[in-house]
Amino acid sequence: MNTLHQLATILRQRIAQLKLTQHGLSADAGISRQTLTKALSGRADFKVTTLIALADRLGFQVLLVPKEIAPDMTAPTEAKPRVKSVVDAAIEALNTAPPKK
């Protein structure tokens, strides 16, 4: 992420994912609603302390990463369970069973 716009997009997506309101988030983060609105606009610069407070309330960690390794870093994907559920096993059995005559 290299721009304020990209950062703001990530913050807005997380707010939507967590179903938070701007009013509630600004209160929880200890920042004014105006400061939050500016930060989420992607056009206004804001303090590092504001970023840290927002990141914390949104479940993020602010981290500086050397550019050499940044391209290799990806967000974790949701792993599939190692053990099949009873439902998955039943569906698989139905899909692999020979057709009835």
C-alpha atoms as a PDB file:
ATOM      1  CA  MET A   1       0.000   0.000   0.000  1.00  0.00           C
ATOM      2  CA  ASN A   2       1.561   3.257  -1.108  1.00  0.00           C
ATOM      3  CA  THR A   3      -1.122   5.915  -1.013  1.00  0.00           C
ATOM      4  CA  LEU A   4      -3.597   7.460   1.392  1.00  0.00           C
ATOM      5  CA  HIS A   5      -6.358   6.401  -0.994  1.00  0.00           C
ATOM      6  CA  GLN A   6      -5.313   2.742  -0.750  1.00  0.00           C
ATOM      7  CA  LEU A   7      -5.112   2.959   3.029  1.00  0.00           C
ATOM      8  CA  ALA A   8      -8.531   4.602   3.241  1.00  0.00           C
ATOM      9  CA  THR A   9     -10.018   1.897   1.002  1.00  0.00           C
ATOM     10  CA  ILE A  10      -8.706  -0.847   3.285  1.00  0.00           C
ATOM     11  CA  LEU A  11     -10.049   0.929   6.371  1.00  0.00           C
ATOM     12  CA  ARG A  12     -13.493   1.459   4.785  1.00  0.00           C
ATOM     13  CA  GLN A  13     -13.671  -2.199   3.712  1.00  0.00           C
ATOM     14  CA  ARG A  14     -12.837  -3.373   7.230  1.00  0.00           C
ATOM     15  CA  ILE A  15     -15.416  -1.035   8.764  1.00  0.00           C
ATOM     16  CA  ALA A  16     -18.050  -2.507   6.441  1.00  0.00           C
ATOM     17  CA  GLN A  17     -16.892  -6.062   7.145  1.00  0.00           C
ATOM     18  CA  LEU A  18     -17.185  -5.495  10.899  1.00  0.00           C
ATOM     19  CA  LYS A  19     -20.496  -3.634  10.433  1.00  0.00           C
ATOM     20  CA  LEU A  20     -19.291  -0.654  12.469  1.00  0.00           C
ATOM     21  CA  THR A  21     -20.668   2.854  12.367  1.00  0.00           C
ATOM     22  CA  GLN A  22     -18.401   5.852  11.947  1.00  0.00           C
ATOM     23  CA  HIS A  23     -19.878   7.322  15.106  1.00  0.00           C
ATOM     24  CA  GLY A  24     -19.092   4.220  17.158  1.00  0.00           C
ATOM     25  CA  LEU A  25     -15.634   3.766  15.665  1.00  0.00           C
ATOM     26  CA  SER A  26     -14.617   7.367  16.232  1.00  0.00           C
ATOM     27  CA  ALA A  27     -15.774   7.137  19.867  1.00  0.00           C
ATOM     28  CA  ASP A  28     -13.972   3.812  20.424  1.00  0.00           C
ATOM     29  CA  ALA A  29     -10.773   5.097  18.796  1.00  0.00           C
ATOM     30  CA  GLY A  30     -10.874   8.357  20.743  1.00  0.00           C
ATOM     31  CA  ILE A  31     -10.883  10.559  17.668  1.00  0.00           C
ATOM     32  CA  SER A  32     -13.381  13.095  16.399  1.00  0.00           C
ATOM     33  CA  ARG A  33     -15.894  12.150  13.755  1.00  0.00           C
ATOM     34  CA  GLN A  34     -14.367  14.839  11.525  1.00  0.00           C
ATOM     35  CA  THR A  35     -10.905  13.263  11.851  1.00  0.00           C
ATOM     36  CA  LEU A  36     -12.318   9.847  10.961  1.00  0.00           C
ATOM     37  CA  THR A  37     -14.168  11.240   7.956  1.00  0.00           C
ATOM     38  CA  LYS A  38     -10.970  12.884   6.709  1.00  0.00           C
ATOM     39  CA  ALA A  39      -8.956   9.699   7.205  1.00  0.00           C
ATOM     40  CA  LEU A  40     -11.527   7.620   5.327  1.00  0.00           C
ATOM     41  CA  SER A  41     -11.689  10.118   2.459  1.00  0.00           C
ATOM     42  CA  GLY A  42      -8.230   9.163   1.248  1.00  0.00           C
ATOM     43  CA  ARG A  43      -7.495  12.804   0.486  1.00  0.00           C
ATOM     44  CA  ALA A  44      -6.418  14.123   3.881  1.00  0.00           C
ATOM     45  CA  ASP A  45      -3.193  13.356   5.687  1.00  0.00           C
ATOM     46  CA  PHE A  46      -3.559  12.319   9.325  1.00  0.00           C
ATOM     47  CA  LYS A  47      -1.424  11.574  12.360  1.00  0.00           C
ATOM     48  CA  VAL A  48       0.282   8.254  12.943  1.00  0.00           C
ATOM     49  CA  THR A  49      -1.467   8.075  16.316  1.00  0.00           C
ATOM     50  CA  THR A  50      -4.800   8.273  14.491  1.00  0.00           C
ATOM     51  CA  LEU A  51      -3.759   5.398  12.226  1.00  0.00           C
ATOM     52  CA  ILE A  52      -2.623   3.306  15.201  1.00  0.00           C
ATOM     53  CA  ALA A  53      -5.895   3.936  17.081  1.00  0.00           C
ATOM     54  CA  LEU A  54      -8.026   3.073  14.032  1.00  0.00           C
ATOM     55  CA  ALA A  55      -5.953   0.012  13.202  1.00  0.00           C
ATOM     56  CA  ASP A  56      -6.267  -1.261  16.766  1.00  0.00           C
ATOM     57  CA  ARG A  57     -10.046  -0.861  16.850  1.00  0.00           C
ATOM     58  CA  LEU A  58     -10.355  -2.552  13.450  1.00  0.00           C
ATOM     59  CA  GLY A  59      -8.200  -5.538  14.427  1.00  0.00           C
ATOM     60  CA  PHE A  60      -5.144  -4.483  12.436  1.00  0.00           C
ATOM     61  CA  GLN A  61      -1.521  -4.104  13.476  1.00  0.00           C
ATOM     62  CA  VAL A  62       0.544  -1.251  12.016  1.00  0.00           C
ATOM     63  CA  LEU A  63       3.758  -2.789  10.754  1.00  0.00           C
ATOM     64  CA  LEU A  64       6.699  -1.455   8.767  1.00  0.00           C
ATOM     65  CA  VAL A  65       8.060  -4.039   6.351  1.00  0.00           C
ATOM     66  CA  PRO A  66      11.202  -3.794   4.207  1.00  0.00           C
ATOM     67  CA  LYS A  67      10.265  -3.312   0.555  1.00  0.00           C
ATOM     68  CA  GLU A  68      12.311  -6.378  -0.425  1.00  0.00           C
ATOM     69  CA  ILE A  69       9.951  -8.737   1.376  1.00  0.00           C
ATOM     70  CA  ALA A  70       6.676  -6.843   1.046  1.00  0.00           C
ATOM     71  CA  PRO A  71       5.687  -8.462  -2.288  1.00  0.00           C
ATOM     72  CA  ASP A  72       5.911 -11.916  -0.678  1.00  0.00           C
ATOM     73  CA  MET A  73       3.542 -11.002   2.122  1.00  0.00           C
ATOM     74  CA  THR A  74      -0.081 -11.885   1.573  1.00  0.00           C
ATOM     75  CA  ALA A  75      -3.130 -11.908   3.760  1.00  0.00           C
ATOM     76  CA  PRO A  76      -3.934 -15.314   5.195  1.00  0.00           C
ATOM     77  CA  THR A  77      -6.662 -17.165   3.393  1.00  0.00           C
ATOM     78  CA  GLU A  78      -9.301 -19.141   5.164  1.00  0.00           C
ATOM     79  CA  ALA A  79      -8.004 -22.672   5.394  1.00  0.00           C
ATOM     80  CA  LYS A  80     -10.279 -25.545   4.540  1.00  0.00           C
ATOM     81  CA  PRO A  81     -10.859 -27.954   7.401  1.00  0.00           C
ATOM     82  CA  ARG A  82      -8.558 -30.971   7.390  1.00  0.00           C
ATOM     83  CA  VAL A  83     -11.351 -33.303   8.437  1.00  0.00           C
ATOM     84  CA  LYS A  84     -14.529 -33.594   6.404  1.00  0.00           C
ATOM     85  CA  SER A  85     -17.774 -32.783   8.096  1.00  0.00           C
ATOM     86  CA  VAL A  86     -20.531 -35.374   8.114  1.00  0.00           C
ATOM     87  CA  VAL A  87     -22.415 -33.297   5.555  1.00  0.00           C
ATOM     88  CA  ASP A  88     -19.374 -32.980   3.251  1.00  0.00           C
ATOM     89  CA  ALA A  89     -18.752 -36.735   3.478  1.00  0.00           C
ATOM     90  CA  ALA A  90     -22.404 -37.484   2.628  1.00  0.00           C
ATOM     91  CA  ILE A  91     -22.355 -35.123  -0.357  1.00  0.00           C
ATOM     92  CA  GLU A  92     -19.136 -36.680  -1.609  1.00  0.00           C
ATOM     93  CA  ALA A  93     -20.622 -40.167  -1.236  1.00  0.00           C
ATOM     94  CA  LEU A  94     -23.686 -39.124  -3.243  1.00  0.00           C
ATOM     95  CA  ASN A  95     -21.570 -37.553  -5.969  1.00  0.00           C
ATOM     96  CA  THR A  96     -19.243 -40.573  -6.310  1.00  0.00           C
ATOM     97  CA  ALA A  97     -21.850 -43.345  -5.978  1.00  0.00           C
ATOM     98  CA  PRO A  98     -22.552 -45.304  -9.162  1.00  0.00           C
ATOM     99  CA  PRO A  99     -25.855 -44.406 -10.786  1.00  0.00           C
ATOM    100  CA  LYS A 100     -28.832 -46.608  -9.839  1.00  0.00           C
ATOM    101  CA  LYS A 101     -30.376 -48.714 -12.578  1.00  0.00           C
END
